[in-house]
Amino acid sequence: PVAVQVPMSRIDAILDDGFKSMYETGTRGGKRGEEYRDYREQTEQFFFDHSERTTPETRPIYGFVPRPEGVRYYEADQAPHLDREMFDSVGNYGNTRIILKDSVKDRSTITMDDSLDTHVTGYPVIPSPAREIDWTSVNAFRAMQQVEAGKDAPLASIPFTYVEAQIHGGVEASDIQQIEFPKQPTKAMVAKLDNLGIDYTVKAAL
């Protein structure tokens, strides 16, 4: 599935008004500042032909594709300290995972690793549709890791940051399938989820 990682404190606002990009909130990239926003605008222009005239609400919302549970590092036998289940390194985005409905993939694109980082660090990728992934979406460095791991090593077992998803056309509460909380939500929150028909689980972060 396509998922988005956010702080638990944002769930109420998301359920009420949907997801907002930094262009809508006016945060200019938050703590990362105006330089970050400039890089993001350049990247979106390169990838999606967006421009300064692109309306904020039509900008992509950024998420990721979670690894299957139980996947382990492929080199665990050579490196015992890595002999543990994989985790998606998205904790810096928040402690709560929002799993979106399968239909969202119809309007999502993906890249291996962060699209901004790969665009500005010399390992460019090109987003491709989530239902028809192209090799141009694969970071060349990660592809080499796959070759070194061997043809039978599952791609999801290779220790890279994450597979990024770019969701187009906005994301509303009606697009949410399930929410994974790091702790039990309040009774008021549970009532709101029930009213919206959204399932939830409580799952401690790795």
Protein backbone atom coordinates (compact mmCIF):
# COMPACT_ATOMS: atom_id res chain seq x y z
CA PRO A 1 0.00 0.00 0.00
CA VAL A 2 0.87 3.68 -0.12
CA ALA A 3 1.29 5.24 3.31
CA VAL A 4 2.09 8.58 4.92
CA GLN A 5 3.96 9.05 8.20
CA VAL A 6 2.89 11.99 10.39
CA PRO A 7 3.00 13.10 14.04
CA MET A 8 0.04 11.84 16.07
CA SER A 9 -0.77 15.46 16.92
CA ARG A 10 -1.73 16.09 13.27
CA ILE A 11 -4.34 13.36 12.98
CA ASP A 12 -7.28 15.51 14.08
CA ALA A 13 -6.53 18.17 11.46
CA ILE A 14 -6.05 15.55 8.74
CA LEU A 15 -9.37 13.90 9.52
CA ASP A 16 -11.09 17.30 9.40
CA ASP A 17 -9.37 18.92 6.40
CA GLY A 18 -7.22 16.30 4.66
CA PHE A 19 -3.50 16.45 4.04
CA LYS A 20 -1.86 19.79 3.34
CA SER A 21 1.43 20.31 1.55
CA MET A 22 3.89 22.94 2.71
CA TYR A 23 2.62 25.16 -0.11
CA GLU A 24 -0.84 25.20 1.47
CA THR A 25 0.32 25.61 5.06
CA GLY A 26 2.80 28.34 4.20
CA THR A 27 5.55 26.74 6.27
CA ARG A 28 8.15 27.21 3.50
CA GLY A 29 9.71 23.87 4.30
CA GLY A 30 9.40 24.17 8.06
CA LYS A 31 12.69 24.14 9.92
CA ARG A 32 14.53 23.33 6.72
CA GLY A 33 13.75 26.79 5.41
CA GLU A 34 13.35 28.52 2.10
CA GLU A 35 16.28 26.75 0.45
CA TYR A 36 14.50 23.42 0.95
CA ARG A 37 11.33 24.78 -0.62
CA ASP A 38 13.30 26.11 -3.60
CA TYR A 39 14.84 22.65 -4.15
CA ARG A 40 11.40 21.06 -3.86
CA GLU A 41 9.91 23.47 -6.41
CA GLN A 42 12.76 22.79 -8.85
CA THR A 43 12.37 19.05 -8.42
CA GLU A 44 8.60 19.14 -8.97
CA GLN A 45 9.08 21.26 -12.06
CA PHE A 46 11.59 18.73 -13.40
CA PHE A 47 9.48 15.68 -12.55
CA PHE A 48 5.90 16.86 -12.96
CA ASP A 49 6.16 20.05 -15.05
CA HIS A 50 4.86 22.14 -12.15
CA SER A 51 5.64 25.84 -12.12
CA GLU A 52 5.12 28.91 -9.97
CA ARG A 53 1.59 29.04 -11.39
CA THR A 54 0.75 25.57 -10.07
CA THR A 55 -1.89 25.91 -7.37
CA PRO A 56 -0.84 24.71 -3.89
CA GLU A 57 -3.68 22.18 -3.60
CA THR A 58 -2.57 20.39 -6.77
CA ARG A 59 0.98 19.85 -5.52
CA PRO A 60 1.80 16.22 -4.62
CA ILE A 61 1.53 14.85 -1.11
CA TYR A 62 4.59 12.77 -0.22
CA GLY A 63 4.35 9.31 1.29
CA PHE A 64 6.09 5.98 0.94
CA VAL A 65 5.58 2.28 0.24
CA PRO A 66 6.09 0.28 3.48
CA ARG A 67 8.21 -2.84 3.39
CA PRO A 68 6.46 -6.16 4.01
CA GLU A 69 6.53 -7.07 7.68
CA GLY A 70 9.19 -9.57 8.67
CA VAL A 71 11.62 -8.73 5.86
CA ARG A 72 15.20 -8.99 7.08
CA TYR A 73 18.49 -7.48 5.96
CA TYR A 74 19.96 -9.64 3.20
CA GLU A 75 23.49 -9.47 4.63
CA ALA A 76 22.44 -10.49 8.14
CA ASP A 77 24.57 -13.63 8.03
CA GLN A 78 27.69 -11.54 7.37
CA ALA A 79 26.71 -8.76 9.80
CA PRO A 80 25.02 -10.13 12.94
CA HIS A 81 24.32 -6.62 14.25
CA LEU A 82 21.93 -6.19 11.32
CA ASP A 83 20.13 -9.45 12.03
CA ARG A 84 16.79 -7.87 12.79
CA GLU A 85 13.60 -7.06 10.97
CA MET A 86 13.75 -4.20 8.53
CA PHE A 87 12.17 -0.90 9.38
CA ASP A 88 11.24 2.05 7.21
CA SER A 89 13.39 5.05 8.13
CA VAL A 90 10.49 7.48 8.12
CA GLY A 91 10.35 8.09 11.86
CA ASN A 92 11.60 11.65 11.43
CA TYR A 93 8.30 12.44 9.72
CA GLY A 94 6.24 11.35 12.72
CA ASN A 95 5.21 8.44 14.91
CA THR A 96 1.88 7.59 13.26
CA ARG A 97 1.40 5.67 10.02
CA ILE A 98 -1.58 6.31 7.76
CA ILE A 99 -2.29 3.51 5.29
CA LEU A 100 -4.20 4.75 2.26
CA LYS A 101 -6.79 2.89 0.23
CA ASP A 102 -5.65 0.83 -2.74
CA SER A 103 -7.40 3.22 -5.14
CA VAL A 104 -4.88 5.93 -4.23
CA LYS A 105 -2.22 4.02 -6.17
CA ASP A 106 -4.06 4.88 -9.37
CA ARG A 107 -2.86 8.48 -8.98
CA SER A 108 0.49 7.89 -7.33
CA THR A 109 4.02 7.75 -8.67
CA ILE A 110 7.06 6.28 -6.94
CA THR A 111 10.83 6.60 -6.75
CA MET A 112 13.35 4.50 -4.87
CA ASP A 113 14.67 6.77 -2.11
CA ASP A 114 13.79 10.40 -1.56
CA SER A 115 13.07 12.08 -4.90
CA LEU A 116 14.56 15.38 -3.75
CA ASP A 117 17.80 13.83 -2.51
CA THR A 118 18.34 11.75 -5.64
CA HIS A 119 17.67 14.77 -7.85
CA VAL A 120 20.24 17.00 -6.16
CA THR A 121 22.95 14.45 -5.25
CA GLY A 122 23.79 13.02 -8.65
CA TYR A 123 21.71 9.82 -8.61
CA PRO A 124 18.61 11.09 -10.44
CA VAL A 125 15.46 9.03 -10.77
CA ILE A 126 12.28 9.55 -12.75
CA PRO A 127 8.94 8.89 -11.00
CA SER A 128 6.77 6.25 -12.64
CA PRO A 129 3.17 5.16 -12.00
CA ALA A 130 2.80 3.07 -8.85
CA ARG A 131 0.95 0.38 -10.81
CA GLU A 132 3.51 0.28 -13.64
CA ILE A 133 6.93 0.90 -12.13
CA ASP A 134 9.75 1.61 -14.58
CA TRP A 135 13.46 0.94 -14.07
CA THR A 136 14.12 4.69 -14.39
CA SER A 137 12.55 5.08 -10.94
CA VAL A 138 15.31 2.99 -9.37
CA ASN A 139 18.29 4.76 -7.86
CA ALA A 140 21.40 3.47 -9.65
CA PHE A 141 23.29 3.01 -6.39
CA ARG A 142 20.48 0.87 -4.97
CA ALA A 143 20.33 -1.13 -8.18
CA MET A 144 24.01 -1.98 -7.75
CA GLN A 145 23.26 -3.16 -4.21
CA GLN A 146 20.63 -5.47 -5.66
CA VAL A 147 23.15 -6.92 -8.11
CA GLU A 148 25.66 -7.47 -5.31
CA ALA A 149 23.00 -9.16 -3.18
CA GLY A 150 22.27 -11.70 -5.89
CA LYS A 151 19.32 -12.35 -8.13
CA ASP A 152 17.38 -14.21 -5.42
CA ALA A 153 17.60 -11.41 -2.84
CA PRO A 154 14.25 -9.60 -2.58
CA LEU A 155 14.51 -5.90 -3.31
CA ALA A 156 12.68 -5.10 -0.07
CA SER A 157 15.47 -6.77 1.92
CA ILE A 158 18.13 -4.29 0.82
CA PRO A 159 18.88 -1.62 3.44
CA PHE A 160 17.95 1.63 1.74
CA THR A 161 15.95 4.48 3.19
CA TYR A 162 12.55 3.90 1.66
CA VAL A 163 10.49 3.86 -1.52
CA GLU A 164 8.91 7.29 -1.83
CA ALA A 165 5.39 7.79 -3.17
CA GLN A 166 4.15 11.02 -4.67
CA ILE A 167 0.35 11.22 -4.42
CA HIS A 168 -1.36 13.49 -6.91
CA GLY A 169 -4.81 15.05 -6.72
CA GLY A 170 -4.91 15.59 -2.97
CA VAL A 171 -5.44 13.22 -0.04
CA GLU A 172 -8.60 13.43 2.06
CA ALA A 173 -9.86 11.50 5.08
CA SER A 174 -11.98 9.45 2.68
CA ASP A 175 -8.72 8.10 1.17
CA ILE A 176 -7.59 6.58 4.48
CA GLN A 177 -7.85 2.83 4.99
CA GLN A 178 -6.23 2.47 8.40
CA ILE A 179 -4.16 4.38 10.95
CA GLU A 180 -1.40 2.79 13.04
CA PHE A 181 -1.03 4.76 16.29
CA PRO A 182 1.98 4.55 18.63
CA LYS A 183 -0.42 4.62 21.61
CA GLN A 184 -4.14 4.34 22.28
CA PRO A 185 -6.01 7.33 20.81
CA THR A 186 -8.51 9.28 22.89
CA LYS A 187 -12.17 8.30 23.05
CA ALA A 188 -13.03 11.38 21.01
CA MET A 189 -10.54 10.35 18.34
CA VAL A 190 -11.90 6.79 18.26
CA ALA A 191 -15.42 8.16 17.85
CA LYS A 192 -14.28 10.33 14.94
CA LEU A 193 -12.57 7.36 13.28
CA ASP A 194 -15.68 5.21 13.72
CA ASN A 195 -17.81 7.94 12.20
CA LEU A 196 -15.51 8.11 9.17
CA GLY A 197 -15.28 4.34 8.83
CA ILE A 198 -11.52 4.27 9.38
CA ASP A 199 -9.90 1.28 11.10
CA TYR A 200 -7.04 1.75 13.52
CA THR A 201 -4.44 -0.27 15.37
CA VAL A 202 -1.97 0.51 18.13
CA LYS A 203 1.54 -0.53 17.17
CA ALA A 204 4.72 0.57 18.92
CA ALA A 205 7.37 2.01 16.61
CA LEU A 206 10.51 -0.07 15.99
